[in-house]
Amino acid sequence: MQPFLSIGIPSKGESASLQRTVRSLTQTTAWTSTPKANREIIICVNGISNHNDQSVLFAHQLEKEFPGVRVIVQKAPGKNKAINTIARAANPHANEIYFSDADVVVSRNSVGDVLDALRKDPKHDLAAPETIPAASYSPKKARSPLQEYDVARARILSTKHMHTLIGRGYAVRREFILANPLPESHTIGDDAYLYQRFKNRIIMVPRAKVFYKSSSFCDRIKQRTRNIRQNKRLEDYPETKKVADKRKTLVSLEKRKEFAKASGKVKFGAAIHATTTLLGRIRTKFPTKDPWPRISSSKSRKRR
């Protein structure tokens, strides 16, 4: 019997990007080759106090547009809480769940490749694809310095086999995530926690690709701010700190070595990125109501 295919998408007010993500997931071979009765996509719209919110109404429209999609509306905010909710709500016949961010595009075989790798390897409980900047497929002349930096960094991580589990997409055994629910804290990212806590249970699947849009300068400052806050919170979990420190050192060393041969445009992008980190550190000194703000690539947009 063909395994049940369950895909979860935590969503916080996305619309245009969510539609692209759902469309790309429904075009994967894993989805098209699975009988309709054996597949589902669960969208958990979180941080919602009003069921008439635009993001909720849009998600319900996707239910009609894409058969197999169902929507859960959750008042409590936070991606981790949404993931835990999806894991509990998934079809009981699903042994694995593929989680995807709501603002990415997946390659046609990526979901199937990741799930197959996990199913064939009983020693691991999580499997993840490589995450690639969409700008990798744009002409070099059309790329901004930040996009050039992202592409160069992704290339280094790939050639040095240093890609790690990223929240943009990964598969997990359902029993494992139910037994090890993510922290309820809104300031800790799912990927950082899973990688640093369960590094030895993760298998990387380089042939599987997930594409993301490079962040703008302002959005990158928001991301760096929340990542710095996140790393601080992770200190509450002593078992994760050693892994985090080691990975940070390795990535930094590789960047210094490889970027010495990089173009001036890449180095300029690296300098801009370093500036966003500095500004992010400054922002952490001020309180915030939303430690995980939406960035422009995932903000709600009205359908035209």
C-alpha atoms as a PDB file:
ATOM      1  CA  MET A   1       0.000   0.000   0.000  1.00  0.00           C
ATOM      2  CA  GLN A   2       1.285   3.449  -0.919  1.00  0.00           C
ATOM      3  CA  PRO A   3       2.285   5.542   2.119  1.00  0.00           C
ATOM      4  CA  PHE A   4      -0.022   8.376   3.134  1.00  0.00           C
ATOM      5  CA  LEU A   5       1.353  11.767   2.095  1.00  0.00           C
ATOM      6  CA  SER A   6       0.918  14.529   4.665  1.00  0.00           C
ATOM      7  CA  ILE A   7       2.282  18.046   4.116  1.00  0.00           C
ATOM      8  CA  GLY A   8       2.082  20.807   6.718  1.00  0.00           C
ATOM      9  CA  ILE A   9       2.392  24.551   6.144  1.00  0.00           C
ATOM     10  CA  PRO A  10       2.513  26.907   9.149  1.00  0.00           C
ATOM     11  CA  SER A  11       1.245  30.282   7.934  1.00  0.00           C
ATOM     12  CA  LYS A  12       1.213  33.714   9.503  1.00  0.00           C
ATOM     13  CA  GLY A  13      -0.790  35.951   7.236  1.00  0.00           C
ATOM     14  CA  GLU A  14       0.767  34.964   3.901  1.00  0.00           C
ATOM     15  CA  SER A  15      -1.365  35.085   0.780  1.00  0.00           C
ATOM     16  CA  ALA A  16       0.395  35.507  -2.580  1.00  0.00           C
ATOM     17  CA  SER A  17       3.443  33.545  -1.456  1.00  0.00           C
ATOM     18  CA  LEU A  18       1.269  30.848   0.167  1.00  0.00           C
ATOM     19  CA  GLN A  19      -0.585  30.282  -3.096  1.00  0.00           C
ATOM     20  CA  ARG A  20       2.723  29.835  -4.960  1.00  0.00           C
ATOM     21  CA  THR A  21       3.941  27.390  -2.345  1.00  0.00           C
ATOM     22  CA  VAL A  22       0.767  25.296  -2.403  1.00  0.00           C
ATOM     23  CA  ARG A  23       0.802  25.255  -6.197  1.00  0.00           C
ATOM     24  CA  SER A  24       4.420  24.068  -6.314  1.00  0.00           C
ATOM     25  CA  LEU A  25       3.720  21.354  -3.719  1.00  0.00           C
ATOM     26  CA  THR A  26       0.705  20.066  -5.657  1.00  0.00           C
ATOM     27  CA  GLN A  27       2.871  19.842  -8.778  1.00  0.00           C
ATOM     28  CA  THR A  28       5.490  17.599  -7.166  1.00  0.00           C
ATOM     29  CA  THR A  29       5.693  13.968  -8.227  1.00  0.00           C
ATOM     30  CA  ALA A  30       5.020  12.907  -4.631  1.00  0.00           C
ATOM     31  CA  TRP A  31       1.626  14.655  -4.761  1.00  0.00           C
ATOM     32  CA  THR A  32       0.580  13.773  -8.309  1.00  0.00           C
ATOM     33  CA  SER A  33       1.536  10.094  -7.938  1.00  0.00           C
ATOM     34  CA  THR A  34      -0.401   9.644  -4.675  1.00  0.00           C
ATOM     35  CA  PRO A  35      -4.130   8.763  -4.820  1.00  0.00           C
ATOM     36  CA  LYS A  36      -6.424  11.590  -3.731  1.00  0.00           C
ATOM     37  CA  ALA A  37      -7.623   9.605  -0.719  1.00  0.00           C
ATOM     38  CA  ASN A  38      -4.022   9.188   0.452  1.00  0.00           C
ATOM     39  CA  ARG A  39      -2.798  12.768   0.533  1.00  0.00           C
ATOM     40  CA  GLU A  40      -3.360  16.034   2.400  1.00  0.00           C
ATOM     41  CA  ILE A  41      -1.955  19.509   2.832  1.00  0.00           C
ATOM     42  CA  ILE A  42      -2.694  21.106   6.201  1.00  0.00           C
ATOM     43  CA  ILE A  43      -2.361  24.885   6.432  1.00  0.00           C
ATOM     44  CA  CYS A  44      -2.289  26.173  10.003  1.00  0.00           C
ATOM     45  CA  VAL A  45      -2.988  29.915  10.002  1.00  0.00           C
ATOM     46  CA  ASN A  46      -1.751  31.061  13.396  1.00  0.00           C
ATOM     47  CA  GLY A  47      -1.884  34.266  15.409  1.00  0.00           C
ATOM     48  CA  ILE A  48      -5.472  34.920  14.296  1.00  0.00           C
ATOM     49  CA  SER A  49      -8.122  36.436  16.574  1.00  0.00           C
ATOM     50  CA  ASN A  50     -10.721  37.075  13.866  1.00  0.00           C
ATOM     51  CA  HIS A  51     -11.938  34.324  11.526  1.00  0.00           C
ATOM     52  CA  ASN A  52     -12.779  37.003   8.980  1.00  0.00           C
ATOM     53  CA  ASP A  53      -9.125  37.955   8.742  1.00  0.00           C
ATOM     54  CA  GLN A  54      -7.949  38.273   5.137  1.00  0.00           C
ATOM     55  CA  SER A  55      -5.335  35.527   5.530  1.00  0.00           C
ATOM     56  CA  VAL A  56      -7.973  33.095   6.860  1.00  0.00           C
ATOM     57  CA  LEU A  57     -10.393  33.846   4.036  1.00  0.00           C
ATOM     58  CA  PHE A  58      -7.602  33.425   1.510  1.00  0.00           C
ATOM     59  CA  ALA A  59      -6.533  30.088   3.014  1.00  0.00           C
ATOM     60  CA  HIS A  60     -10.121  28.832   2.778  1.00  0.00           C
ATOM     61  CA  GLN A  61     -10.143  29.831  -0.895  1.00  0.00           C
ATOM     62  CA  LEU A  62      -7.128  27.573  -1.388  1.00  0.00           C
ATOM     63  CA  GLU A  63      -9.195  24.703   0.043  1.00  0.00           C
ATOM     64  CA  LYS A  64     -11.567  25.143  -2.895  1.00  0.00           C
ATOM     65  CA  GLU A  65      -8.828  25.710  -5.460  1.00  0.00           C
ATOM     66  CA  PHE A  66      -6.661  22.740  -4.464  1.00  0.00           C
ATOM     67  CA  PRO A  67      -8.509  19.532  -3.451  1.00  0.00           C
ATOM     68  CA  GLY A  68      -6.804  17.869  -0.507  1.00  0.00           C
ATOM     69  CA  VAL A  69      -6.012  21.133   1.269  1.00  0.00           C
ATOM     70  CA  ARG A  70      -7.556  21.752   4.674  1.00  0.00           C
ATOM     71  CA  VAL A  71      -7.169  24.756   6.945  1.00  0.00           C
ATOM     72  CA  ILE A  72      -6.739  25.025  10.711  1.00  0.00           C
ATOM     73  CA  VAL A  73      -7.134  28.449  12.321  1.00  0.00           C
ATOM     74  CA  GLN A  74      -5.179  28.921  15.521  1.00  0.00           C
ATOM     75  CA  LYS A  75      -5.446  31.945  17.776  1.00  0.00           C
ATOM     76  CA  ALA A  76      -2.083  31.371  19.464  1.00  0.00           C
ATOM     77  CA  PRO A  77       0.809  32.827  17.428  1.00  0.00           C
ATOM     78  CA  GLY A  78       4.028  31.029  16.647  1.00  0.00           C
ATOM     79  CA  LYS A  79       5.386  28.680  14.003  1.00  0.00           C
ATOM     80  CA  ASN A  80       6.374  26.077  16.603  1.00  0.00           C
ATOM     81  CA  LYS A  81       2.837  25.920  17.977  1.00  0.00           C
ATOM     82  CA  ALA A  82       1.486  25.628  14.444  1.00  0.00           C
ATOM     83  CA  ILE A  83       3.836  22.722  13.686  1.00  0.00           C
ATOM     84  CA  ASN A  84       2.808  20.938  16.881  1.00  0.00           C
ATOM     85  CA  THR A  85      -0.853  21.476  15.953  1.00  0.00           C
ATOM     86  CA  ILE A  86      -0.331  20.093  12.436  1.00  0.00           C
ATOM     87  CA  ALA A  87       1.453  17.025  13.821  1.00  0.00           C
ATOM     88  CA  ARG A  88      -1.515  16.268  16.075  1.00  0.00           C
ATOM     89  CA  ALA A  89      -4.073  16.946  13.331  1.00  0.00           C
ATOM     90  CA  ALA A  90      -2.372  14.947  10.578  1.00  0.00           C
ATOM     91  CA  ASN A  91      -4.068  11.832   9.271  1.00  0.00           C
ATOM     92  CA  PRO A  92      -3.272   8.914  11.614  1.00  0.00           C
ATOM     93  CA  HIS A  93      -2.137   6.873   8.601  1.00  0.00           C
ATOM     94  CA  ALA A  94       0.671   9.360   7.926  1.00  0.00           C
ATOM     95  CA  ASN A  95       3.973   8.008   9.267  1.00  0.00           C
ATOM     96  CA  GLU A  96       5.889  11.085   8.124  1.00  0.00           C
ATOM     97  CA  ILE A  97       5.027  14.752   7.663  1.00  0.00           C
ATOM     98  CA  TYR A  98       6.757  17.117   5.259  1.00  0.00           C
ATOM     99  CA  PHE A  99       6.773  20.664   6.650  1.00  0.00           C
ATOM    100  CA  SER A 100       7.168  23.619   4.318  1.00  0.00           C
ATOM    101  CA  ASP A 101       7.409  27.348   4.841  1.00  0.00           C
ATOM    102  CA  ALA A 102       4.675  29.378   3.176  1.00  0.00           C
ATOM    103  CA  ASP A 103       7.011  31.439   0.981  1.00  0.00           C
ATOM    104  CA  VAL A 104       9.137  28.892  -0.907  1.00  0.00           C
ATOM    105  CA  VAL A 105       9.007  26.917  -4.153  1.00  0.00           C
ATOM    106  CA  VAL A 106       9.991  23.241  -4.171  1.00  0.00           C
ATOM    107  CA  SER A 107      11.522  21.304  -7.056  1.00  0.00           C
ATOM    108  CA  ARG A 108       9.354  18.645  -8.630  1.00  0.00           C
ATOM    109  CA  ASN A 109      11.052  15.638  -7.003  1.00  0.00           C
ATOM    110  CA  SER A 110      12.163  17.210  -3.728  1.00  0.00           C
ATOM    111  CA  VAL A 111       9.295  16.135  -1.451  1.00  0.00           C
ATOM    112  CA  GLY A 112       9.425  12.560  -2.706  1.00  0.00           C
ATOM    113  CA  ASP A 113      13.225  12.382  -2.478  1.00  0.00           C
ATOM    114  CA  VAL A 114      13.234  13.660   1.104  1.00  0.00           C
ATOM    115  CA  LEU A 115      10.460  11.315   2.223  1.00  0.00           C
ATOM    116  CA  ASP A 116      12.033   8.313   0.450  1.00  0.00           C
ATOM    117  CA  ALA A 117      15.387   8.992   2.136  1.00  0.00           C
ATOM    118  CA  LEU A 118      13.686   9.118   5.529  1.00  0.00           C
ATOM    119  CA  ARG A 119      11.631   5.955   4.934  1.00  0.00           C
ATOM    120  CA  LYS A 120      14.705   3.972   3.836  1.00  0.00           C
ATOM    121  CA  ASP A 121      16.836   5.037   6.812  1.00  0.00           C
ATOM    122  CA  PRO A 122      15.435   3.882  10.166  1.00  0.00           C
ATOM    123  CA  LYS A 123      18.406   5.400  12.024  1.00  0.00           C
ATOM    124  CA  HIS A 124      17.228   8.957  11.317  1.00  0.00           C
ATOM    125  CA  ASP A 125      14.041  10.786  12.249  1.00  0.00           C
ATOM    126  CA  LEU A 126      14.392  13.934  10.136  1.00  0.00           C
ATOM    127  CA  ALA A 127      15.388  14.564   6.516  1.00  0.00           C
ATOM    128  CA  ALA A 128      16.010  17.871   4.786  1.00  0.00           C
ATOM    129  CA  PRO A 129      16.682  19.174   1.256  1.00  0.00           C
ATOM    130  CA  GLU A 130      19.194  21.809   0.250  1.00  0.00           C
ATOM    131  CA  THR A 131      17.843  25.348   0.320  1.00  0.00           C
ATOM    132  CA  ILE A 132      18.883  27.421  -2.676  1.00  0.00           C
ATOM    133  CA  PRO A 133      18.395  31.149  -3.377  1.00  0.00           C
ATOM    134  CA  ALA A 134      16.049  31.603  -6.323  1.00  0.00           C
ATOM    135  CA  ALA A 135      18.541  34.194  -7.592  1.00  0.00           C
ATOM    136  CA  SER A 136      20.865  31.292  -8.469  1.00  0.00           C
ATOM    137  CA  TYR A 137      18.899  30.975 -11.715  1.00  0.00           C
ATOM    138  CA  SER A 138      18.978  34.682 -12.507  1.00  0.00           C
ATOM    139  CA  PRO A 139      21.649  36.256 -14.728  1.00  0.00           C
ATOM    140  CA  LYS A 140      24.613  37.471 -12.691  1.00  0.00           C
ATOM    141  CA  LYS A 141      24.223  41.010 -13.965  1.00  0.00           C
ATOM    142  CA  ALA A 142      20.642  41.094 -12.681  1.00  0.00           C
ATOM    143  CA  ARG A 143      21.552  40.060  -9.136  1.00  0.00           C
ATOM    144  CA  SER A 144      21.905  42.581  -6.328  1.00  0.00           C
ATOM    145  CA  PRO A 145      25.017  42.403  -4.115  1.00  0.00           C
ATOM    146  CA  LEU A 146      22.974  40.693  -1.382  1.00  0.00           C
ATOM    147  CA  GLN A 147      21.694  38.124  -3.866  1.00  0.00           C
ATOM    148  CA  GLU A 148      25.235  37.510  -5.099  1.00  0.00           C
ATOM    149  CA  TYR A 149      26.319  36.973  -1.498  1.00  0.00           C
ATOM    150  CA  ASP A 150      23.471  34.507  -0.873  1.00  0.00           C
ATOM    151  CA  VAL A 151      24.283  32.544  -4.027  1.00  0.00           C
ATOM    152  CA  ALA A 152      28.007  32.408  -3.212  1.00  0.00           C
ATOM    153  CA  ARG A 153      27.343  31.314   0.364  1.00  0.00           C
ATOM    154  CA  ALA A 154      24.908  28.597  -0.755  1.00  0.00           C
ATOM    155  CA  ARG A 155      27.500  27.335  -3.244  1.00  0.00           C
ATOM    156  CA  ILE A 156      30.130  27.073  -0.507  1.00  0.00           C
ATOM    157  CA  LEU A 157      27.757  25.224   1.806  1.00  0.00           C
ATOM    158  CA  SER A 158      26.886  22.817  -0.994  1.00  0.00           C
ATOM    159  CA  THR A 159      30.440  22.057  -2.153  1.00  0.00           C
ATOM    160  CA  LYS A 160      31.645  21.623   1.421  1.00  0.00           C
ATOM    161  CA  HIS A 161      28.588  19.502   2.339  1.00  0.00           C
ATOM    162  CA  MET A 162      27.729  21.941   5.119  1.00  0.00           C
ATOM    163  CA  HIS A 163      24.035  22.379   4.395  1.00  0.00           C
ATOM    164  CA  THR A 164      21.899  21.803   7.469  1.00  0.00           C
ATOM    165  CA  LEU A 165      18.217  21.465   8.275  1.00  0.00           C
ATOM    166  CA  ILE A 166      16.474  24.756   7.524  1.00  0.00           C
ATOM    167  CA  GLY A 167      12.882  25.606   8.376  1.00  0.00           C
ATOM    168  CA  ARG A 168      12.029  26.252   4.735  1.00  0.00           C
ATOM    169  CA  GLY A 169      11.416  22.527   4.306  1.00  0.00           C
ATOM    170  CA  TYR A 170      12.033  19.172   6.001  1.00  0.00           C
ATOM    171  CA  ALA A 171      10.379  15.847   6.739  1.00  0.00           C
ATOM    172  CA  VAL A 172       9.979  14.296  10.169  1.00  0.00           C
ATOM    173  CA  ARG A 173       8.561  11.048  11.486  1.00  0.00           C
ATOM    174  CA  ARG A 174       5.179  11.816  13.003  1.00  0.00           C
ATOM    175  CA  GLU A 175       5.801   9.702  16.104  1.00  0.00           C
ATOM    176  CA  PHE A 176       9.076  11.560  16.669  1.00  0.00           C
ATOM    177  CA  ILE A 177       7.597  15.069  16.516  1.00  0.00           C
ATOM    178  CA  LEU A 178       4.688  14.005  18.721  1.00  0.00           C
ATOM    179  CA  ALA A 179       7.110  12.584  21.280  1.00  0.00           C
ATOM    180  CA  ASN A 180       9.419  15.630  20.976  1.00  0.00           C
ATOM    181  CA  PRO A 181       7.146  18.647  20.428  1.00  0.00           C
ATOM    182  CA  LEU A 182       8.804  21.937  19.616  1.00  0.00           C
ATOM    183  CA  PRO A 183       9.240  24.536  22.388  1.00  0.00           C
ATOM    184  CA  GLU A 184       6.197  26.770  22.741  1.00  0.00           C
ATOM    185  CA  SER A 185       8.449  29.837  22.837  1.00  0.00           C
ATOM    186  CA  HIS A 186       7.720  32.232  19.993  1.00  0.00           C
ATOM    187  CA  THR A 187      11.351  33.347  19.884  1.00  0.00           C
ATOM    188  CA  ILE A 188      12.947  29.965  19.075  1.00  0.00           C
ATOM    189  CA  GLY A 189      13.001  28.809  15.459  1.00  0.00           C
ATOM    190  CA  ASP A 190      11.995  25.254  14.660  1.00  0.00           C
ATOM    191  CA  ASP A 191      15.053  24.611  12.505  1.00  0.00           C
ATOM    192  CA  ALA A 192      17.612  25.908  15.016  1.00  0.00           C
ATOM    193  CA  TYR A 193      16.096  23.855  17.816  1.00  0.00           C
ATOM    194  CA  LEU A 194      15.787  20.639  15.798  1.00  0.00           C
ATOM    195  CA  TYR A 195      19.273  20.892  14.315  1.00  0.00           C
ATOM    196  CA  GLN A 196      20.998  21.742  17.546  1.00  0.00           C
ATOM    197  CA  ARG A 197      19.019  19.279  19.650  1.00  0.00           C
ATOM    198  CA  PHE A 198      18.817  16.326  17.248  1.00  0.00           C
ATOM    199  CA  LYS A 199      21.743  16.799  14.859  1.00  0.00           C
ATOM    200  CA  ASN A 200      22.595  13.083  14.760  1.00  0.00           C
ATOM    201  CA  ARG A 201      19.031  12.180  13.755  1.00  0.00           C
ATOM    202  CA  ILE A 202      19.019  14.340  10.617  1.00  0.00           C
ATOM    203  CA  ILE A 203      19.843  13.108   7.131  1.00  0.00           C
ATOM    204  CA  MET A 204      20.533  15.628   4.366  1.00  0.00           C
ATOM    205  CA  VAL A 205      19.233  14.965   0.846  1.00  0.00           C
ATOM    206  CA  PRO A 206      21.330  17.144  -1.518  1.00  0.00           C
ATOM    207  CA  ARG A 207      19.457  16.093  -4.674  1.00  0.00           C
ATOM    208  CA  ALA A 208      16.271  17.664  -3.254  1.00  0.00           C
ATOM    209  CA  LYS A 209      16.028  21.446  -3.665  1.00  0.00           C
ATOM    210  CA  VAL A 210      13.878  24.159  -2.097  1.00  0.00           C
ATOM    211  CA  PHE A 211      14.093  27.681  -3.487  1.00  0.00           C
ATOM    212  CA  TYR A 212      13.644  30.878  -1.503  1.00  0.00           C
ATOM    213  CA  LYS A 213      13.603  34.574  -2.251  1.00  0.00           C
ATOM    214  CA  SER A 214      16.594  36.533  -0.946  1.00  0.00           C
ATOM    215  CA  SER A 215      15.607  39.042   1.710  1.00  0.00           C
ATOM    216  CA  SER A 216      15.883  42.781   1.261  1.00  0.00           C
ATOM    217  CA  PHE A 217      18.157  44.913   3.447  1.00  0.00           C
ATOM    218  CA  CYS A 218      15.357  45.879   5.872  1.00  0.00           C
ATOM    219  CA  ASP A 219      13.960  42.354   6.058  1.00  0.00           C
ATOM    220  CA  ARG A 220      17.440  40.987   6.703  1.00  0.00           C
ATOM    221  CA  ILE A 221      17.773  43.262   9.720  1.00  0.00           C
ATOM    222  CA  LYS A 222      14.516  41.799  11.093  1.00  0.00           C
ATOM    223  CA  GLN A 223      15.794  38.279  10.465  1.00  0.00           C
ATOM    224  CA  ARG A 224      19.145  38.940  12.109  1.00  0.00           C
ATOM    225  CA  THR A 225      17.357  40.490  15.094  1.00  0.00           C
ATOM    226  CA  ARG A 226      15.170  37.463  15.650  1.00  0.00           C
ATOM    227  CA  ASN A 227      18.093  35.053  15.088  1.00  0.00           C
ATOM    228  CA  ILE A 228      20.181  36.834  17.728  1.00  0.00           C
ATOM    229  CA  ARG A 229      17.248  36.722  20.159  1.00  0.00           C
ATOM    230  CA  GLN A 230      16.739  33.084  19.285  1.00  0.00           C
ATOM    231  CA  ASN A 231      20.360  32.140  19.991  1.00  0.00           C
ATOM    232  CA  LYS A 232      20.058  33.831  23.355  1.00  0.00           C
ATOM    233  CA  ARG A 233      16.950  31.816  24.212  1.00  0.00           C
ATOM    234  CA  LEU A 234      18.627  28.587  23.100  1.00  0.00           C
ATOM    235  CA  GLU A 235      21.027  29.026  25.993  1.00  0.00           C
ATOM    236  CA  ASP A 236      18.132  27.711  28.106  1.00  0.00           C
ATOM    237  CA  TYR A 237      18.851  24.371  26.430  1.00  0.00           C
ATOM    238  CA  PRO A 238      22.486  23.556  27.397  1.00  0.00           C
ATOM    239  CA  GLU A 239      22.571  20.463  25.188  1.00  0.00           C
ATOM    240  CA  THR A 240      22.215  22.647  22.063  1.00  0.00           C
ATOM    241  CA  LYS A 241      24.902  25.266  22.748  1.00  0.00           C
ATOM    242  CA  LYS A 242      27.984  23.178  21.885  1.00  0.00           C
ATOM    243  CA  VAL A 243      26.588  22.178  18.506  1.00  0.00           C
ATOM    244  CA  ALA A 244      25.605  25.772  17.719  1.00  0.00           C
ATOM    245  CA  ASP A 245      29.045  27.162  18.595  1.00  0.00           C
ATOM    246  CA  LYS A 246      30.829  24.509  16.506  1.00  0.00           C
ATOM    247  CA  ARG A 247      28.672  25.129  13.412  1.00  0.00           C
ATOM    248  CA  LYS A 248      29.112  28.897  13.698  1.00  0.00           C
ATOM    249  CA  THR A 249      32.904  28.503  13.779  1.00  0.00           C
ATOM    250  CA  LEU A 250      32.974  26.142  10.788  1.00  0.00           C
ATOM    251  CA  VAL A 251      30.794  28.373   8.624  1.00  0.00           C
ATOM    252  CA  SER A 252      32.827  31.453   9.533  1.00  0.00           C
ATOM    253  CA  LEU A 253      36.136  29.760   8.658  1.00  0.00           C
ATOM    254  CA  GLU A 254      34.845  28.550   5.299  1.00  0.00           C
ATOM    255  CA  LYS A 255      33.533  31.998   4.490  1.00  0.00           C
ATOM    256  CA  ARG A 256      36.898  33.637   5.163  1.00  0.00           C
ATOM    257  CA  LYS A 257      38.753  31.059   3.065  1.00  0.00           C
ATOM    258  CA  GLU A 258      36.429  30.958   0.070  1.00  0.00           C
ATOM    259  CA  PHE A 259      35.337  34.580  -0.009  1.00  0.00           C
ATOM    260  CA  ALA A 260      38.934  35.705  -0.417  1.00  0.00           C
ATOM    261  CA  LYS A 261      38.591  34.620  -4.063  1.00  0.00           C
ATOM    262  CA  ALA A 262      35.107  36.059  -4.488  1.00  0.00           C
ATOM    263  CA  SER A 263      34.196  38.948  -6.771  1.00  0.00           C
ATOM    264  CA  GLY A 264      33.926  42.512  -5.532  1.00  0.00           C
ATOM    265  CA  LYS A 265      30.146  42.321  -5.842  1.00  0.00           C
ATOM    266  CA  VAL A 266      30.018  39.294  -3.526  1.00  0.00           C
ATOM    267  CA  LYS A 267      32.304  40.976  -0.999  1.00  0.00           C
ATOM    268  CA  PHE A 268      30.145  44.096  -1.107  1.00  0.00           C
ATOM    269  CA  GLY A 269      27.087  41.930  -0.445  1.00  0.00           C
ATOM    270  CA  ALA A 270      28.900  40.273   2.452  1.00  0.00           C
ATOM    271  CA  ALA A 271      29.672  43.701   3.909  1.00  0.00           C
ATOM    272  CA  ILE A 272      26.004  44.723   3.620  1.00  0.00           C
ATOM    273  CA  HIS A 273      24.964  41.458   5.292  1.00  0.00           C
ATOM    274  CA  ALA A 274      27.453  42.102   8.120  1.00  0.00           C
ATOM    275  CA  THR A 275      25.891  45.556   8.547  1.00  0.00           C
ATOM    276  CA  THR A 276      22.448  43.987   8.968  1.00  0.00           C
ATOM    277  CA  THR A 277      23.882  41.770  11.711  1.00  0.00           C
ATOM    278  CA  LEU A 278      25.249  44.818  13.513  1.00  0.00           C
ATOM    279  CA  LEU A 279      21.932  46.647  13.212  1.00  0.00           C
ATOM    280  CA  GLY A 280      20.141  43.499  14.349  1.00  0.00           C
ATOM    281  CA  ARG A 281      22.228  43.443  17.538  1.00  0.00           C
ATOM    282  CA  ILE A 282      21.249  47.046  18.198  1.00  0.00           C
ATOM    283  CA  ARG A 283      17.541  46.233  17.690  1.00  0.00           C
ATOM    284  CA  THR A 284      17.700  43.437  20.254  1.00  0.00           C
ATOM    285  CA  LYS A 285      18.306  46.089  22.909  1.00  0.00           C
ATOM    286  CA  PHE A 286      14.745  47.303  22.453  1.00  0.00           C
ATOM    287  CA  PRO A 287      11.581  45.383  23.442  1.00  0.00           C
ATOM    288  CA  THR A 288       9.281  44.045  20.754  1.00  0.00           C
ATOM    289  CA  LYS A 289       5.676  42.858  20.669  1.00  0.00           C
ATOM    290  CA  ASP A 290       6.337  40.498  17.760  1.00  0.00           C
ATOM    291  CA  PRO A 291       9.694  38.676  17.961  1.00  0.00           C
ATOM    292  CA  TRP A 292       8.976  36.891  14.665  1.00  0.00           C
ATOM    293  CA  PRO A 293       7.730  39.658  12.309  1.00  0.00           C
ATOM    294  CA  ARG A 294       6.638  38.979   8.766  1.00  0.00           C
ATOM    295  CA  ILE A 295       9.007  39.981   6.004  1.00  0.00           C
ATOM    296  CA  SER A 296       7.976  41.456   2.662  1.00  0.00           C
ATOM    297  CA  SER A 297       8.242  38.132   0.798  1.00  0.00           C
ATOM    298  CA  SER A 298       5.487  36.657   2.956  1.00  0.00           C
ATOM    299  CA  LYS A 299       3.196  39.571   3.821  1.00  0.00           C
ATOM    300  CA  SER A 300      -0.431  39.327   2.779  1.00  0.00           C
ATOM    301  CA  ARG A 301      -1.283  40.744  -0.587  1.00  0.00           C
ATOM    302  CA  LYS A 302      -4.705  41.149  -2.135  1.00  0.00           C
ATOM    303  CA  ARG A 303      -5.423  38.866  -5.041  1.00  0.00           C
ATOM    304  CA  ARG A 304      -5.884  40.631  -8.370  1.00  0.00           C
END
